[in-house]
C-alpha atoms as a PDB file:
ATOM      1  CA  MET A   1     123.585  11.280  41.256  1.00  0.00           C
ATOM      2  CA  GLU A   2     120.371  12.680  40.008  1.00  0.00           C
ATOM      3  CA  ILE A   3     118.451  11.096  36.731  1.00  0.00           C
ATOM      4  CA  GLU A   4     116.213  13.956  35.303  1.00  0.00           C
ATOM      5  CA  ARG A   5     112.975  12.538  34.015  1.00  0.00           C
ATOM      6  CA  LYS A   6     110.029  14.876  32.803  1.00  0.00           C
ATOM      7  CA  TYR A   7     106.466  13.683  31.899  1.00  0.00           C
ATOM      8  CA  LEU A   8     103.537  15.389  30.295  1.00  0.00           C
ATOM      9  CA  ILE A   9     100.090  14.369  31.529  1.00  0.00           C
ATOM     10  CA  ASP A  10      96.885  15.682  30.701  1.00  0.00           C
ATOM     11  CA  GLN A  11      95.365  15.711  34.152  1.00  0.00           C
ATOM     12  CA  ILE A  12      96.571  14.685  37.619  1.00  0.00           C
ATOM     13  CA  PRO A  13      94.743  11.349  38.332  1.00  0.00           C
ATOM     14  CA  PHE A  14      94.214  12.482  41.870  1.00  0.00           C
ATOM     15  CA  SER A  15      93.352  15.524  44.120  1.00  0.00           C
ATOM     16  CA  LEU A  16      96.231  17.359  45.374  1.00  0.00           C
ATOM     17  CA  ALA A  17      94.200  19.270  47.709  1.00  0.00           C
ATOM     18  CA  ALA A  18      94.136  16.164  49.950  1.00  0.00           C
ATOM     19  CA  TYR A  19      98.208  16.302  50.181  1.00  0.00           C
ATOM     20  CA  GLU A  20     100.879  18.170  52.079  1.00  0.00           C
ATOM     21  CA  MET A  21     101.695  21.191  50.402  1.00  0.00           C
ATOM     22  CA  HIS A  22     105.268  23.077  50.451  1.00  0.00           C
ATOM     23  CA  HIS A  23     106.018  26.711  49.405  1.00  0.00           C
ATOM     24  CA  LEU A  24     109.288  26.788  47.207  1.00  0.00           C
ATOM     25  CA  GLU A  25     111.537  29.654  45.955  1.00  0.00           C
ATOM     26  CA  GLN A  26     114.485  28.988  43.870  1.00  0.00           C
ATOM     27  CA  GLY A  27     117.098  31.205  42.103  1.00  0.00           C
ATOM     28  CA  TYR A  28     120.176  30.347  40.180  1.00  0.00           C
ATOM     29  CA  LEU A  29     123.422  32.169  40.713  1.00  0.00           C
ATOM     30  CA  SER A  30     125.084  30.614  37.885  1.00  0.00           C
ATOM     31  CA  THR A  31     123.754  27.988  34.921  1.00  0.00           C
ATOM     32  CA  ALA A  32     127.101  26.865  33.818  1.00  0.00           C
ATOM     33  CA  PRO A  33     127.741  24.978  36.191  1.00  0.00           C
ATOM     34  CA  VAL A  34     124.597  24.963  37.903  1.00  0.00           C
ATOM     35  CA  VAL A  35     124.315  26.732  41.203  1.00  0.00           C
ATOM     36  CA  ARG A  36     120.895  27.077  42.852  1.00  0.00           C
ATOM     37  CA  ILE A  37     119.475  28.171  46.146  1.00  0.00           C
ATOM     38  CA  ARG A  38     116.222  26.851  47.089  1.00  0.00           C
ATOM     39  CA  LYS A  39     113.895  27.769  50.070  1.00  0.00           C
ATOM     40  CA  ASP A  40     111.433  24.842  50.870  1.00  0.00           C
ATOM     41  CA  ASP A  41     109.211  25.883  53.682  1.00  0.00           C
ATOM     42  CA  ASP A  42     111.804  26.707  56.469  1.00  0.00           C
ATOM     43  CA  ASN A  43     114.699  24.639  54.705  1.00  0.00           C
ATOM     44  CA  TYR A  44     117.340  26.434  52.798  1.00  0.00           C
ATOM     45  CA  ILE A  45     119.662  24.654  50.366  1.00  0.00           C
ATOM     46  CA  LEU A  46     122.636  25.310  47.893  1.00  0.00           C
ATOM     47  CA  THR A  47     122.930  22.805  45.023  1.00  0.00           C
ATOM     48  CA  TYR A  48     125.580  22.439  42.689  1.00  0.00           C
ATOM     49  CA  LYS A  49     124.993  20.161  39.559  1.00  0.00           C
ATOM     50  CA  SER A  50     127.755  18.941  37.190  1.00  0.00           C
ATOM     51  CA  LYS A  51     127.508  18.733  33.518  1.00  0.00           C
ATOM     52  CA  GLY A  52     124.906  16.452  31.737  1.00  0.00           C
ATOM     53  CA  LEU A  53     121.341  16.582  30.619  1.00  0.00           C
ATOM     54  CA  MET A  54     120.068  13.109  31.626  1.00  0.00           C
ATOM     55  CA  VAL A  55     122.365  12.054  34.369  1.00  0.00           C
ATOM     56  CA  ARG A  56     124.599  14.197  36.536  1.00  0.00           C
ATOM     57  CA  GLU A  57     126.089  14.605  40.050  1.00  0.00           C
ATOM     58  CA  GLU A  58     124.141  16.769  42.394  1.00  0.00           C
ATOM     59  CA  TYR A  59     125.230  18.146  45.748  1.00  0.00           C
ATOM     60  CA  ASN A  60     123.160  19.552  48.228  1.00  0.00           C
ATOM     61  CA  LEU A  61     124.425  21.791  51.070  1.00  0.00           C
ATOM     62  CA  PRO A  62     122.385  23.142  53.806  1.00  0.00           C
ATOM     63  CA  LEU A  63     122.097  27.038  54.458  1.00  0.00           C
ATOM     64  CA  THR A  64     121.234  29.353  57.192  1.00  0.00           C
ATOM     65  CA  ARG A  65     118.334  31.681  56.664  1.00  0.00           C
ATOM     66  CA  ASP A  66     120.657  34.424  56.837  1.00  0.00           C
ATOM     67  CA  SER A  67     122.863  32.731  54.078  1.00  0.00           C
ATOM     68  CA  TYR A  68     119.941  32.317  51.858  1.00  0.00           C
ATOM     69  CA  GLU A  69     118.660  35.850  52.170  1.00  0.00           C
ATOM     70  CA  HIS A  70     122.281  36.941  51.208  1.00  0.00           C
ATOM     71  CA  LEU A  71     122.564  34.758  48.249  1.00  0.00           C
ATOM     72  CA  ARG A  72     118.969  35.693  47.257  1.00  0.00           C
ATOM     73  CA  LYS A  73     120.214  39.283  46.397  1.00  0.00           C
ATOM     74  CA  LYS A  74     122.799  37.768  44.026  1.00  0.00           C
ATOM     75  CA  ILE A  75     120.625  35.484  41.602  1.00  0.00           C
ATOM     76  CA  ASP A  76     121.007  35.656  37.872  1.00  0.00           C
ATOM     77  CA  GLY A  77     117.600  36.461  36.730  1.00  0.00           C
ATOM     78  CA  ILE A  78     114.332  36.051  38.330  1.00  0.00           C
ATOM     79  CA  LEU A  79     113.366  34.207  41.685  1.00  0.00           C
ATOM     80  CA  ILE A  80     110.841  31.388  40.882  1.00  0.00           C
ATOM     81  CA  SER A  81     108.095  30.586  43.225  1.00  0.00           C
ATOM     82  CA  LYS A  82     106.002  27.449  43.211  1.00  0.00           C
ATOM     83  CA  ILE A  83     104.107  25.089  45.217  1.00  0.00           C
ATOM     84  CA  SER A  84     104.880  21.442  45.447  1.00  0.00           C
ATOM     85  CA  HIS A  85     102.394  18.633  46.876  1.00  0.00           C
ATOM     86  CA  SER A  86     104.034  15.518  48.330  1.00  0.00           C
ATOM     87  CA  ALA A  87     101.525  12.195  47.518  1.00  0.00           C
ATOM     88  CA  HIS A  88     102.547   8.711  47.399  1.00  0.00           C
ATOM     89  CA  GLY A  89     106.085   9.568  48.677  1.00  0.00           C
ATOM     90  CA  LYS A  90     106.752  11.606  45.677  1.00  0.00           C
ATOM     91  CA  ALA A  91     106.757  15.535  45.214  1.00  0.00           C
ATOM     92  CA  TYR A  92     104.734  17.045  42.559  1.00  0.00           C
ATOM     93  CA  ASP A  93     105.714  20.360  41.343  1.00  0.00           C
END
């Protein structure tokens, strides 16, 4: 189960340059229900999310690189690229 929380802050209270960085790509195959593919460095994941806003079930299934590349051509909309930093055991996108 996933509990979605988002926070707005004025500034990050520490330097992200000192922490591990990950390159992410993600695209949505469907938004109702949510079916997403994601590349996190060399890890490839298919995610299904059930209905709900704050609390919902989330299932992550591993993909091969070939499967990811095949599904990447079928995304609905644009491919999102972002950088995530891991600090203090948490990811900051």
